[in-house]
């Protein structure tokens, strides 16, 4: 444990940030998983699920949770798989 007052504060704020980031990342993963499941099942709401996941990915990238290129890559793959299932019908 640090002895300096400012270092003690940083430990506390780092823990708070870690918890907040973990919750946000978990929510992001859930939305992406929900979109993947909707695409796999060819559900009627798959376009909406992909849209929500894309928005969540953009927000996570802007907040620094994930890298912007990782967000772009995941969005691209979701859109591509949604498009492929549409054409397969």
PDB file of N, CA and C in Angstrom:
ATOM      1  N   UNK A   1       0.848  -1.185   0.000  1.00  0.00           N
ATOM      2  CA  UNK A   1       0.000   0.000   0.000  1.00  0.00           C
ATOM      3  C   UNK A   1       0.891   1.245   0.000  1.00  0.00           C
ATOM      4  N   UNK A   2       0.532   2.230  -0.822  1.00  0.00           N
ATOM      5  CA  UNK A   2       1.355   3.441  -0.902  1.00  0.00           C
ATOM      6  C   UNK A   2       1.274   4.290   0.371  1.00  0.00           C
ATOM      7  N   UNK A   3       2.306   5.062   0.596  1.00  0.00           N
ATOM      8  CA  UNK A   3       2.348   5.949   1.759  1.00  0.00           C
ATOM      9  C   UNK A   3       1.934   7.369   1.416  1.00  0.00           C
ATOM     10  N   UNK A   4       2.161   7.768   0.185  1.00  0.00           N
ATOM     11  CA  UNK A   4       1.866   9.138  -0.230  1.00  0.00           C
ATOM     12  C   UNK A   4       0.371   9.271  -0.492  1.00  0.00           C
ATOM     13  N   UNK A   5      -0.183  10.414  -0.050  1.00  0.00           N
ATOM     14  CA  UNK A   5      -1.626  10.634  -0.127  1.00  0.00           C
ATOM     15  C   UNK A   5      -2.156  10.552  -1.560  1.00  0.00           C
ATOM     16  N   UNK A   6      -1.470  11.181  -2.500  1.00  0.00           N
ATOM     17  CA  UNK A   6      -1.931  11.171  -3.887  1.00  0.00           C
ATOM     18  C   UNK A   6      -1.882   9.760  -4.482  1.00  0.00           C
ATOM     19  N   UNK A   7      -0.896   8.977  -4.073  1.00  0.00           N
ATOM     20  CA  UNK A   7      -0.794   7.593  -4.557  1.00  0.00           C
ATOM     21  C   UNK A   7      -1.935   6.751  -3.995  1.00  0.00           C
ATOM     22  N   UNK A   8      -2.325   7.015  -2.757  1.00  0.00           N
ATOM     23  CA  UNK A   8      -3.474   6.303  -2.166  1.00  0.00           C
ATOM     24  C   UNK A   8      -4.744   6.618  -2.956  1.00  0.00           C
ATOM     25  N   UNK A   9      -4.905   7.887  -3.323  1.00  0.00           N
ATOM     26  CA  UNK A   9      -6.072   8.297  -4.111  1.00  0.00           C
ATOM     27  C   UNK A   9      -6.068   7.598  -5.469  1.00  0.00           C
ATOM     28  N   UNK A  10      -4.901   7.498  -6.089  1.00  0.00           N
ATOM     29  CA  UNK A  10      -4.806   6.853  -7.393  1.00  0.00           C
ATOM     30  C   UNK A  10      -5.192   5.382  -7.320  1.00  0.00           C
ATOM     31  N   UNK A  11      -4.832   4.719  -6.220  1.00  0.00           N
ATOM     32  CA  UNK A  11      -5.210   3.315  -6.041  1.00  0.00           C
ATOM     33  C   UNK A  11      -6.730   3.190  -6.011  1.00  0.00           C
ATOM     34  N   UNK A  12      -7.370   4.101  -5.296  1.00  0.00           N
ATOM     35  CA  UNK A  12      -8.834   4.063  -5.181  1.00  0.00           C
ATOM     36  C   UNK A  12      -9.487   4.353  -6.532  1.00  0.00           C
ATOM     37  N   UNK A  13      -9.034   5.404  -7.218  1.00  0.00           N
ATOM     38  CA  UNK A  13      -9.644   5.742  -8.507  1.00  0.00           C
ATOM     39  C   UNK A  13      -9.356   4.684  -9.568  1.00  0.00           C
ATOM     40  N   UNK A  14      -8.189   4.062  -9.496  1.00  0.00           N
ATOM     41  CA  UNK A  14      -7.870   3.000 -10.448  1.00  0.00           C
ATOM     42  C   UNK A  14      -8.814   1.813 -10.261  1.00  0.00           C
ATOM     43  N   UNK A  15      -9.122   1.494  -9.025  1.00  0.00           N
ATOM     44  CA  UNK A  15     -10.043   0.386  -8.731  1.00  0.00           C
ATOM     45  C   UNK A  15     -11.452   0.701  -9.244  1.00  0.00           C
ATOM     46  N   UNK A  16     -11.892   1.943  -9.028  1.00  0.00           N
ATOM     47  CA  UNK A  16     -13.213   2.359  -9.504  1.00  0.00           C
ATOM     48  C   UNK A  16     -13.263   2.277 -11.032  1.00  0.00           C
ATOM     49  N   UNK A  17     -12.211   2.761 -11.686  1.00  0.00           N
ATOM     50  CA  UNK A  17     -12.146   2.712 -13.147  1.00  0.00           C
ATOM     51  C   UNK A  17     -12.141   1.279 -13.648  1.00  0.00           C
ATOM     52  N   UNK A  18     -11.398   0.423 -12.977  1.00  0.00           N
ATOM     53  CA  UNK A  18     -11.319  -0.978 -13.379  1.00  0.00           C
ATOM     54  C   UNK A  18     -12.696  -1.629 -13.333  1.00  0.00           C
ATOM     55  N   UNK A  19     -13.439  -1.373 -12.262  1.00  0.00           N
ATOM     56  CA  UNK A  19     -14.782  -1.952 -12.127  1.00  0.00           C
ATOM     57  C   UNK A  19     -15.722  -1.418 -13.206  1.00  0.00           C
ATOM     58  N   UNK A  20     -15.654  -0.105 -13.453  1.00  0.00           N
ATOM     59  CA  UNK A  20     -16.518   0.502 -14.456  1.00  0.00           C
ATOM     60  C   UNK A  20     -16.198  -0.042 -15.841  1.00  0.00           C
ATOM     61  N   UNK A  21     -14.903  -0.160 -16.147  1.00  0.00           N
ATOM     62  CA  UNK A  21     -14.491  -0.688 -17.450  1.00  0.00           C
ATOM     63  C   UNK A  21     -14.896  -2.146 -17.614  1.00  0.00           C
ATOM     64  N   UNK A  22     -14.807  -2.920 -16.539  1.00  0.00           N
ATOM     65  CA  UNK A  22     -15.188  -4.335 -16.603  1.00  0.00           C
ATOM     66  C   UNK A  22     -16.676  -4.474 -16.903  1.00  0.00           C
ATOM     67  N   UNK A  23     -17.494  -3.636 -16.269  1.00  0.00           N
ATOM     68  CA  UNK A  23     -18.932  -3.682 -16.514  1.00  0.00           C
ATOM     69  C   UNK A  23     -19.257  -3.278 -17.946  1.00  0.00           C
ATOM     70  N   UNK A  24     -18.611  -2.224 -18.424  1.00  0.00           N
ATOM     71  CA  UNK A  24     -18.869  -1.746 -19.778  1.00  0.00           C
ATOM     72  C   UNK A  24     -18.427  -2.774 -20.815  1.00  0.00           C
ATOM     73  N   UNK A  25     -17.283  -3.403 -20.590  1.00  0.00           N
ATOM     74  CA  UNK A  25     -16.774  -4.402 -21.524  1.00  0.00           C
ATOM     75  C   UNK A  25     -17.674  -5.639 -21.546  1.00  0.00           C
ATOM     76  N   UNK A  26     -18.190  -6.001 -20.378  1.00  0.00           N
ATOM     77  CA  UNK A  26     -19.099  -7.141 -20.279  1.00  0.00           C
ATOM     78  C   UNK A  26     -20.388  -6.857 -21.047  1.00  0.00           C
ATOM     79  N   UNK A  27     -20.921  -5.650 -20.874  1.00  0.00           N
ATOM     80  CA  UNK A  27     -22.142  -5.263 -21.591  1.00  0.00           C
ATOM     81  C   UNK A  27     -21.897  -5.267 -23.095  1.00  0.00           C
ATOM     82  N   UNK A  28     -20.718  -4.813 -23.504  1.00  0.00           N
ATOM     83  CA  UNK A  28     -20.357  -4.806 -24.923  1.00  0.00           C
ATOM     84  C   UNK A  28     -20.327  -6.231 -25.472  1.00  0.00           C
ATOM     85  N   UNK A  29     -19.680  -7.134 -24.739  1.00  0.00           N
ATOM     86  CA  UNK A  29     -19.608  -8.530 -25.176  1.00  0.00           C
ATOM     87  C   UNK A  29     -20.994  -9.149 -25.297  1.00  0.00           C
ATOM     88  N   UNK A  30     -21.886  -8.820 -24.360  1.00  0.00           N
ATOM     89  CA  UNK A  30     -23.250  -9.359 -24.400  1.00  0.00           C
ATOM     90  C   UNK A  30     -23.991  -8.897 -25.645  1.00  0.00           C
ATOM     91  N   UNK A  31     -23.827  -7.611 -26.005  1.00  0.00           N
ATOM     92  CA  UNK A  31     -24.513  -7.101 -27.194  1.00  0.00           C
ATOM     93  C   UNK A  31     -23.978  -7.734 -28.470  1.00  0.00           C
ATOM     94  N   UNK A  32     -22.658  -7.914 -28.535  1.00  0.00           N
ATOM     95  CA  UNK A  32     -22.060  -8.538 -29.717  1.00  0.00           C
ATOM     96  C   UNK A  32     -22.511  -9.995 -29.813  1.00  0.00           C
ATOM     97  N   UNK A  33     -22.550 -10.682 -28.682  1.00  0.00           N
ATOM     98  CA  UNK A  33     -22.988 -12.084 -28.665  1.00  0.00           C
ATOM     99  C   UNK A  33     -24.452 -12.194 -29.080  1.00  0.00           C
ATOM    100  N   UNK A  34     -25.277 -11.261 -28.593  1.00  0.00           N
ATOM    101  CA  UNK A  34     -26.695 -11.251 -28.949  1.00  0.00           C
ATOM    102  C   UNK A  34     -26.860 -11.062 -30.456  1.00  0.00           C
ATOM    103  N   UNK A  35     -26.042 -10.187 -31.049  1.00  0.00           N
ATOM    104  CA  UNK A  35     -26.101  -9.962 -32.499  1.00  0.00           C
ATOM    105  C   UNK A  35     -25.664 -11.210 -33.252  1.00  0.00           C
ATOM    106  N   UNK A  36     -24.594 -11.867 -32.779  1.00  0.00           N
ATOM    107  CA  UNK A  36     -24.117 -13.092 -33.447  1.00  0.00           C
ATOM    108  C   UNK A  36     -25.174 -14.187 -33.401  1.00  0.00           C
ATOM    109  N   UNK A  37     -25.848 -14.321 -32.257  1.00  0.00           N
ATOM    110  CA  UNK A  37     -26.894 -15.340 -32.117  1.00  0.00           C
ATOM    111  C   UNK A  37     -28.060 -15.030 -33.054  1.00  0.00           C
ATOM    112  N   UNK A  38     -28.445 -13.742 -33.124  1.00  0.00           N
ATOM    113  CA  UNK A  38     -29.538 -13.334 -34.005  1.00  0.00           C
ATOM    114  C   UNK A  38     -29.189 -13.626 -35.464  1.00  0.00           C
ATOM    115  N   UNK A  39     -27.933 -13.407 -35.824  1.00  0.00           N
ATOM    116  CA  UNK A  39     -27.497 -13.690 -37.203  1.00  0.00           C
ATOM    117  C   UNK A  39     -27.517 -15.191 -37.464  1.00  0.00           C
ATOM    118  N   UNK A  40     -27.025 -15.975 -36.501  1.00  0.00           N
ATOM    119  CA  UNK A  40     -26.962 -17.427 -36.681  1.00  0.00           C
ATOM    120  C   UNK A  40     -28.354 -18.038 -36.810  1.00  0.00           C
ATOM    121  N   UNK A  41     -29.292 -17.507 -36.034  1.00  0.00           N
ATOM    122  CA  UNK A  41     -30.661 -18.022 -36.078  1.00  0.00           C
ATOM    123  C   UNK A  41     -31.482 -17.373 -37.183  1.00  0.00           C
ATOM    124  N   UNK A  42     -30.879 -16.395 -37.872  1.00  0.00           N
ATOM    125  CA  UNK A  42     -31.561 -15.643 -38.919  1.00  0.00           C
ATOM    126  C   UNK A  42     -32.861 -15.028 -38.398  1.00  0.00           C
ATOM    127  N   UNK A  43     -32.780 -14.443 -37.209  1.00  0.00           N
ATOM    128  CA  UNK A  43     -33.945 -13.849 -36.565  1.00  0.00           C
ATOM    129  C   UNK A  43     -34.362 -12.569 -37.278  1.00  0.00           C
ATOM    130  N   UNK A  44     -35.614 -12.193 -37.044  1.00  0.00           N
ATOM    131  CA  UNK A  44     -36.138 -10.982 -37.674  1.00  0.00           C
ATOM    132  C   UNK A  44     -35.467  -9.725 -37.121  1.00  0.00           C
ATOM    133  N   UNK A  45     -35.020  -9.788 -35.878  1.00  0.00           N
ATOM    134  CA  UNK A  45     -34.431  -8.616 -35.230  1.00  0.00           C
ATOM    135  C   UNK A  45     -32.914  -8.544 -35.406  1.00  0.00           C
ATOM    136  N   UNK A  46     -32.370  -9.303 -36.347  1.00  0.00           N
ATOM    137  CA  UNK A  46     -30.906  -9.346 -36.482  1.00  0.00           C
ATOM    138  C   UNK A  46     -30.334  -8.000 -36.915  1.00  0.00           C
ATOM    139  N   UNK A  47     -31.048  -7.273 -37.778  1.00  0.00           N
ATOM    140  CA  UNK A  47     -30.548  -5.961 -38.206  1.00  0.00           C
ATOM    141  C   UNK A  47     -30.478  -4.992 -37.033  1.00  0.00           C
ATOM    142  N   UNK A  48     -31.499  -5.035 -36.198  1.00  0.00           N
ATOM    143  CA  UNK A  48     -31.524  -4.173 -35.015  1.00  0.00           C
ATOM    144  C   UNK A  48     -30.410  -4.569 -34.046  1.00  0.00           C
ATOM    145  N   UNK A  49     -30.193  -5.847 -33.854  1.00  0.00           N
ATOM    146  CA  UNK A  49     -29.146  -6.321 -32.951  1.00  0.00           C
ATOM    147  C   UNK A  49     -27.764  -5.920 -33.447  1.00  0.00           C
ATOM    148  N   UNK A  50     -27.548  -6.018 -34.751  1.00  0.00           N
ATOM    149  CA  UNK A  50     -26.265  -5.632 -35.336  1.00  0.00           C
ATOM    150  C   UNK A  50     -26.058  -4.128 -35.178  1.00  0.00           C
ATOM    151  N   UNK A  51     -27.119  -3.364 -35.367  1.00  0.00           N
ATOM    152  CA  UNK A  51     -27.031  -1.910 -35.223  1.00  0.00           C
ATOM    153  C   UNK A  51     -26.664  -1.526 -33.789  1.00  0.00           C
ATOM    154  N   UNK A  52     -27.321  -2.162 -32.805  1.00  0.00           N
ATOM    155  CA  UNK A  52     -27.028  -1.888 -31.397  1.00  0.00           C
ATOM    156  C   UNK A  52     -25.589  -2.268 -31.048  1.00  0.00           C
ATOM    157  N   UNK A  53     -25.142  -3.395 -31.561  1.00  0.00           N
ATOM    158  CA  UNK A  53     -23.776  -3.833 -31.307  1.00  0.00           C
ATOM    159  C   UNK A  53     -22.773  -2.855 -31.918  1.00  0.00           C
ATOM    160  N   UNK A  54     -23.061  -2.369 -33.105  1.00  0.00           N
ATOM    161  CA  UNK A  54     -22.168  -1.415 -33.771  1.00  0.00           C
ATOM    162  C   UNK A  54     -22.065  -0.116 -32.984  1.00  0.00           C
ATOM    163  N   UNK A  55     -23.194   0.353 -32.495  1.00  0.00           N
ATOM    164  CA  UNK A  55     -23.196   1.576 -31.684  1.00  0.00           C
ATOM    165  C   UNK A  55     -22.385   1.362 -30.412  1.00  0.00           C
ATOM    166  N   UNK A  56     -22.576   0.219 -29.774  1.00  0.00           N
ATOM    167  CA  UNK A  56     -21.834  -0.091 -28.555  1.00  0.00           C
ATOM    168  C   UNK A  56     -20.335  -0.185 -28.816  1.00  0.00           C
ATOM    169  N   UNK A  57     -19.964  -0.780 -29.943  1.00  0.00           N
ATOM    170  CA  UNK A  57     -18.552  -0.882 -30.299  1.00  0.00           C
ATOM    171  C   UNK A  57     -17.943   0.503 -30.517  1.00  0.00           C
ATOM    172  N   UNK A  58     -18.688   1.384 -31.183  1.00  0.00           N
ATOM    173  CA  UNK A  58     -18.186   2.747 -31.404  1.00  0.00           C
ATOM    174  C   UNK A  58     -17.996   3.489 -30.083  1.00  0.00           C
ATOM    175  N   UNK A  59     -18.958   3.347 -29.185  1.00  0.00           N
ATOM    176  CA  UNK A  59     -18.855   4.012 -27.889  1.00  0.00           C
ATOM    177  C   UNK A  59     -17.678   3.477 -27.084  1.00  0.00           C
ATOM    178  N   UNK A  60     -17.492   2.171 -27.120  1.00  0.00           N
ATOM    179  CA  UNK A  60     -16.373   1.564 -26.393  1.00  0.00           C
ATOM    180  C   UNK A  60     -15.043   2.040 -26.955  1.00  0.00           C
ATOM    181  N   UNK A  61     -14.967   2.181 -28.272  1.00  0.00           N
ATOM    182  CA  UNK A  61     -13.726   2.658 -28.887  1.00  0.00           C
ATOM    183  C   UNK A  61     -13.469   4.111 -28.528  1.00  0.00           C
ATOM    184  N   UNK A  62     -14.525   4.918 -28.485  1.00  0.00           N
ATOM    185  CA  UNK A  62     -14.337   6.332 -28.165  1.00  0.00           C
ATOM    186  C   UNK A  62     -13.931   6.533 -26.711  1.00  0.00           C
ATOM    187  N   UNK A  63     -14.340   5.615 -25.841  1.00  0.00           N
ATOM    188  CA  UNK A  63     -13.981   5.710 -24.421  1.00  0.00           C
ATOM    189  C   UNK A  63     -12.648   5.034 -24.111  1.00  0.00           C
ATOM    190  N   UNK A  64     -12.077   4.360 -25.104  1.00  0.00           N
ATOM    191  CA  UNK A  64     -10.787   3.729 -24.910  1.00  0.00           C
ATOM    192  C   UNK A  64     -10.848   2.331 -24.322  1.00  0.00           C
ATOM    193  N   UNK A  65     -12.024   1.732 -24.295  1.00  0.00           N
ATOM    194  CA  UNK A  65     -12.151   0.364 -23.787  1.00  0.00           C
ATOM    195  C   UNK A  65     -11.508  -0.635 -24.732  1.00  0.00           C
ATOM    196  N   UNK A  66     -11.720  -0.411 -26.023  1.00  0.00           N
ATOM    197  CA  UNK A  66     -11.092  -1.253 -27.038  1.00  0.00           C
ATOM    198  C   UNK A  66     -10.471  -0.330 -28.081  1.00  0.00           C
ATOM    199  N   UNK A  67      -9.542  -0.851 -28.848  1.00  0.00           N
ATOM    200  CA  UNK A  67      -8.883  -0.062 -29.888  1.00  0.00           C
ATOM    201  C   UNK A  67      -9.862   0.222 -31.009  1.00  0.00           C
ATOM    202  N   UNK A  68      -9.722   1.384 -31.652  1.00  0.00           N
ATOM    203  CA  UNK A  68     -10.674   1.771 -32.698  1.00  0.00           C
ATOM    204  C   UNK A  68     -10.639   0.816 -33.886  1.00  0.00           C
ATOM    205  N   UNK A  69      -9.456   0.269 -34.191  1.00  0.00           N
ATOM    206  CA  UNK A  69      -9.377  -0.681 -35.298  1.00  0.00           C
ATOM    207  C   UNK A  69     -10.042  -2.009 -34.942  1.00  0.00           C
ATOM    208  N   UNK A  70      -9.963  -2.392 -33.679  1.00  0.00           N
ATOM    209  CA  UNK A  70     -10.639  -3.616 -33.232  1.00  0.00           C
ATOM    210  C   UNK A  70     -12.145  -3.443 -33.348  1.00  0.00           C
ATOM    211  N   UNK A  71     -12.632  -2.257 -32.982  1.00  0.00           N
ATOM    212  CA  UNK A  71     -14.063  -1.978 -33.101  1.00  0.00           C
ATOM    213  C   UNK A  71     -14.495  -2.022 -34.561  1.00  0.00           C
ATOM    214  N   UNK A  72     -13.705  -1.417 -35.427  1.00  0.00           N
ATOM    215  CA  UNK A  72     -14.027  -1.400 -36.859  1.00  0.00           C
ATOM    216  C   UNK A  72     -14.032  -2.815 -37.423  1.00  0.00           C
ATOM    217  N   UNK A  73     -13.059  -3.615 -37.009  1.00  0.00           N
ATOM    218  CA  UNK A  73     -12.964  -5.001 -37.487  1.00  0.00           C
ATOM    219  C   UNK A  73     -14.188  -5.808 -37.045  1.00  0.00           C
ATOM    220  N   UNK A  74     -14.581  -5.662 -35.789  1.00  0.00           N
ATOM    221  CA  UNK A  74     -15.731  -6.417 -35.289  1.00  0.00           C
ATOM    222  C   UNK A  74     -17.025  -5.974 -35.958  1.00  0.00           C
ATOM    223  N   UNK A  75     -17.180  -4.663 -36.172  1.00  0.00           N
ATOM    224  CA  UNK A  75     -18.361  -4.149 -36.861  1.00  0.00           C
ATOM    225  C   UNK A  75     -18.429  -4.695 -38.281  1.00  0.00           C
ATOM    226  N   UNK A  76     -17.291  -4.706 -38.945  1.00  0.00           N
ATOM    227  CA  UNK A  76     -17.231  -5.189 -40.320  1.00  0.00           C
ATOM    228  C   UNK A  76     -17.611  -6.657 -40.398  1.00  0.00           C
ATOM    229  N   UNK A  77     -17.086  -7.450 -39.490  1.00  0.00           N
ATOM    230  CA  UNK A  77     -17.382  -8.884 -39.495  1.00  0.00           C
ATOM    231  C   UNK A  77     -18.853  -9.155 -39.188  1.00  0.00           C
ATOM    232  N   UNK A  78     -19.433  -8.379 -38.261  1.00  0.00           N
ATOM    233  CA  UNK A  78     -20.852  -8.548 -37.962  1.00  0.00           C
ATOM    234  C   UNK A  78     -21.703  -8.209 -39.187  1.00  0.00           C
ATOM    235  N   UNK A  79     -21.399  -7.081 -39.816  1.00  0.00           N
ATOM    236  CA  UNK A  79     -22.173  -6.656 -40.985  1.00  0.00           C
ATOM    237  C   UNK A  79     -22.034  -7.654 -42.123  1.00  0.00           C
ATOM    238  N   UNK A  80     -20.828  -8.157 -42.308  1.00  0.00           N
ATOM    239  CA  UNK A  80     -20.578  -9.124 -43.390  1.00  0.00           C
ATOM    240  C   UNK A  80     -21.355 -10.409 -43.156  1.00  0.00           C
ATOM    241  N   UNK A  81     -21.340 -10.916 -41.921  1.00  0.00           N
ATOM    242  CA  UNK A  81     -22.058 -12.158 -41.649  1.00  0.00           C
ATOM    243  C   UNK A  81     -23.570 -11.958 -41.740  1.00  0.00           C
ATOM    244  N   UNK A  82     -24.046 -10.774 -41.366  1.00  0.00           N
ATOM    245  CA  UNK A  82     -25.481 -10.483 -41.486  1.00  0.00           C
ATOM    246  C   UNK A  82     -25.873 -10.438 -42.959  1.00  0.00           C
ATOM    247  N   UNK A  83     -25.025  -9.850 -43.766  1.00  0.00           N
ATOM    248  CA  UNK A  83     -25.288  -9.740 -45.200  1.00  0.00           C
ATOM    249  C   UNK A  83     -25.269 -11.120 -45.872  1.00  0.00           C
ATOM    250  N   UNK A  84     -24.342 -11.984 -45.454  1.00  0.00           N
ATOM    251  CA  UNK A  84     -24.226 -13.323 -46.055  1.00  0.00           C
ATOM    252  C   UNK A  84     -25.455 -14.160 -45.749  1.00  0.00           C
ATOM    253  N   UNK A  85     -25.979 -14.039 -44.528  1.00  0.00           N
ATOM    254  CA  UNK A  85     -27.173 -14.822 -44.189  1.00  0.00           C
ATOM    255  C   UNK A  85     -28.397 -14.305 -44.947  1.00  0.00           C
ATOM    256  N   UNK A  86     -28.412 -13.004 -45.265  1.00  0.00           N
ATOM    257  CA  UNK A  86     -29.511 -12.460 -46.056  1.00  0.00           C
ATOM    258  C   UNK A  86     -29.496 -13.028 -47.473  1.00  0.00           C
ATOM    259  N   UNK A  87     -28.306 -13.089 -48.071  1.00  0.00           N
ATOM    260  CA  UNK A  87     -28.211 -13.559 -49.441  1.00  0.00           C
ATOM    261  C   UNK A  87     -28.388 -15.079 -49.546  1.00  0.00           C
ATOM    262  N   UNK A  88     -28.179 -15.786 -48.438  1.00  0.00           N
ATOM    263  CA  UNK A  88     -28.303 -17.247 -48.438  1.00  0.00           C
ATOM    264  C   UNK A  88     -29.762 -17.685 -48.437  1.00  0.00           C
ATOM    265  N   UNK A  89     -30.655 -16.767 -48.117  1.00  0.00           N
ATOM    266  CA  UNK A  89     -32.086 -17.134 -48.037  1.00  0.00           C
ATOM    267  C   UNK A  89     -32.685 -17.453 -49.367  1.00  0.00           C
TER     268      UNK A  89
END
